C-alpha cells in the first residue's frame, strides 16, 4: 500500500503564502509524476499542479497558475508553494502519484482525478 503523507497545512490570512510538503515512498520513481489536488466542501476535487519526475515538465491549472509552484525538495519529498492566498483557496489539499500518460497531456490523470495513489490530505484555511 503506497503511502503519501502531506504536511504544512494550516490557517492563514488573505494574501499570505504557504508551502505544503508531501513525502512519497522510495519506490515512487521517475516512472511516475506527482501532483497536487484540492477539494473544498461541496465542490469537486480539482487538479492544481503536477511535475513529471523524469522529464521535469510541470503543469498548472488555470485557476492557480502564477500563484502556485510545484517542486521537488529531494528524492522523495515534493512541495506546493502557494502565494497570495484567498478565501476561495480554502480546501483539503492532496498529494498524489500516477504513471504519466504518453504525450503532451501526460498530467491527464490529475485533471480527471484518476491518480494511482493518494495521500490523506492536509487542510488549508484562508480567512
Protein backbone atom coordinates (compact mmCIF):
# COMPACT_ATOMS: atom_id res chain seq x y z
CA UNK A 1 0.00 0.00 0.00
CA UNK A 2 1.63 3.21 -1.19
CA UNK A 3 1.56 5.94 1.44
CA UNK A 4 1.84 9.58 0.54
CA UNK A 5 1.98 11.88 3.56
CA UNK A 6 1.14 15.55 3.29
CA UNK A 7 2.04 18.26 5.79
CA UNK A 8 2.20 22.04 6.05
CA UNK A 9 -1.46 22.96 6.02
CA UNK A 10 -2.93 25.45 8.43
CA UNK A 11 -4.87 28.67 8.86
CA UNK A 12 -3.55 31.80 7.15
CA UNK A 13 -4.75 35.29 6.32
CA UNK A 14 -5.69 36.51 2.85
CA UNK A 15 -2.60 37.44 0.88
CA UNK A 16 -0.22 35.22 2.83
CA UNK A 17 1.83 32.33 1.46
CA UNK A 18 2.01 28.68 2.42
CA UNK A 19 4.14 25.71 1.40
CA UNK A 20 2.80 22.18 1.56
CA UNK A 21 5.04 19.12 1.57
CA UNK A 22 4.48 15.52 0.52
CA UNK A 23 6.69 12.57 1.37
CA UNK A 24 6.40 9.66 -1.04
CA UNK A 25 7.70 6.08 -0.65
CA UNK A 26 11.04 5.26 -2.19
CA UNK A 27 9.53 3.25 -4.99
CA UNK A 28 7.78 6.29 -6.49
CA UNK A 29 10.45 6.51 -9.14
CA UNK A 30 10.99 8.62 -12.22
CA UNK A 31 8.40 6.50 -13.99
CA UNK A 32 5.73 8.44 -12.11
CA UNK A 33 4.55 12.02 -11.92
CA UNK A 34 3.50 13.76 -8.72
CA UNK A 35 0.53 16.04 -8.42
CA UNK A 36 -1.48 18.17 -6.03
CA UNK A 37 -5.24 18.44 -5.95
CA UNK A 38 -7.69 20.14 -3.62
CA UNK A 39 -11.29 19.69 -2.63
CA UNK A 40 -13.45 22.28 -0.93
CA UNK A 41 -16.68 21.34 0.85
CA UNK A 42 -19.46 20.77 -1.66
CA UNK A 43 -17.11 21.01 -4.63
CA UNK A 44 -15.41 18.50 -6.91
CA UNK A 45 -11.77 17.63 -6.49
CA UNK A 46 -9.62 19.97 -8.60
CA UNK A 47 -6.19 19.10 -10.00
CA UNK A 48 -3.85 22.02 -9.38
CA UNK A 49 -0.28 21.19 -10.34
CA UNK A 50 1.90 18.32 -11.47
CA UNK A 51 5.57 17.55 -12.03
CA UNK A 52 6.91 14.86 -14.37
CA UNK A 53 9.66 13.13 -12.39
CA UNK A 54 11.59 12.04 -15.46
CA UNK A 55 11.26 14.99 -17.84
CA UNK A 56 10.88 17.71 -15.20
CA UNK A 57 7.90 19.22 -17.01
CA UNK A 58 5.26 20.93 -14.92
CA UNK A 59 1.54 21.56 -15.31
CA UNK A 60 -0.63 24.16 -13.60
CA UNK A 61 -4.37 24.61 -13.66
CA UNK A 62 -5.55 27.97 -14.98
CA UNK A 63 -7.17 28.71 -11.63
CA UNK A 64 -3.82 28.81 -9.81
CA UNK A 65 -1.19 29.47 -12.48
CA UNK A 66 1.10 32.30 -11.43
CA UNK A 67 0.33 31.82 -7.71
CA UNK A 68 1.42 28.22 -7.25
CA UNK A 69 4.75 26.43 -7.72
CA UNK A 70 5.26 22.68 -7.56
CA UNK A 71 8.72 21.47 -6.64
CA UNK A 72 10.89 18.57 -5.66
CA UNK A 73 12.80 19.12 -2.43
CA UNK A 74 14.68 15.83 -2.53
CA UNK A 75 14.30 12.35 -3.99
CA UNK A 76 11.07 11.63 -2.17
CA UNK A 77 9.74 14.98 -0.94
CA UNK A 78 7.62 17.26 -3.05
CA UNK A 79 6.22 20.69 -2.36
CA UNK A 80 3.43 23.01 -3.36
CA UNK A 81 4.17 26.66 -2.67
CA UNK A 82 1.17 28.98 -2.80
CA UNK A 83 1.28 32.78 -2.84
CA UNK A 84 -1.41 35.43 -2.42
CA UNK A 85 -3.85 33.01 -0.82
CA UNK A 86 -7.56 33.84 -0.97
CA UNK A 87 -10.57 32.53 0.94
CA UNK A 88 -11.52 30.54 -2.20
CA UNK A 89 -8.30 28.56 -1.71
CA UNK A 90 -9.74 27.05 1.46
CA UNK A 91 -9.82 23.29 0.90
CA UNK A 92 -8.28 19.94 1.74
CA UNK A 93 -5.10 19.59 -0.30
CA UNK A 94 -4.00 16.17 -1.51
CA UNK A 95 -0.73 14.83 -2.85
CA UNK A 96 -0.97 12.07 -5.47
CA UNK A 97 1.15 9.93 -7.79
CA UNK A 98 0.46 8.23 -11.09
CA UNK A 99 2.09 6.95 -14.25
CA UNK A 100 2.12 9.74 -16.84
CA UNK A 101 0.04 9.48 -20.00
CA UNK A 102 2.16 9.28 -23.13
CA UNK A 103 2.19 12.59 -24.97
CA UNK A 104 1.76 16.28 -24.21
CA UNK A 105 -1.15 15.71 -21.82
CA UNK A 106 0.90 13.47 -19.53
CA UNK A 107 -0.83 15.02 -16.50
CA UNK A 108 -4.34 13.98 -17.58
CA UNK A 109 -4.87 11.56 -14.64
CA UNK A 110 -4.57 14.54 -12.29
CA UNK A 111 -7.19 16.53 -14.17
CA UNK A 112 -9.57 13.57 -14.32
CA UNK A 113 -8.97 12.60 -10.69
CA UNK A 114 -7.68 9.18 -11.72
CA UNK A 115 -4.34 9.16 -9.96
CA UNK A 116 -2.99 5.81 -8.81
CA UNK A 117 -2.09 6.80 -5.25
CA UNK A 118 -3.38 9.49 -2.90
CA UNK A 119 -2.42 10.92 0.45
CA UNK A 120 -4.97 11.63 3.17
CA UNK A 121 -4.75 15.37 2.74
CA UNK A 122 -3.81 18.49 4.69
CA UNK A 123 -6.31 21.27 5.41
CA UNK A 124 -5.69 24.85 4.29
CA UNK A 125 -7.98 27.57 5.61
CA UNK A 126 -7.72 31.16 4.39
CA UNK A 127 -9.63 33.93 6.14
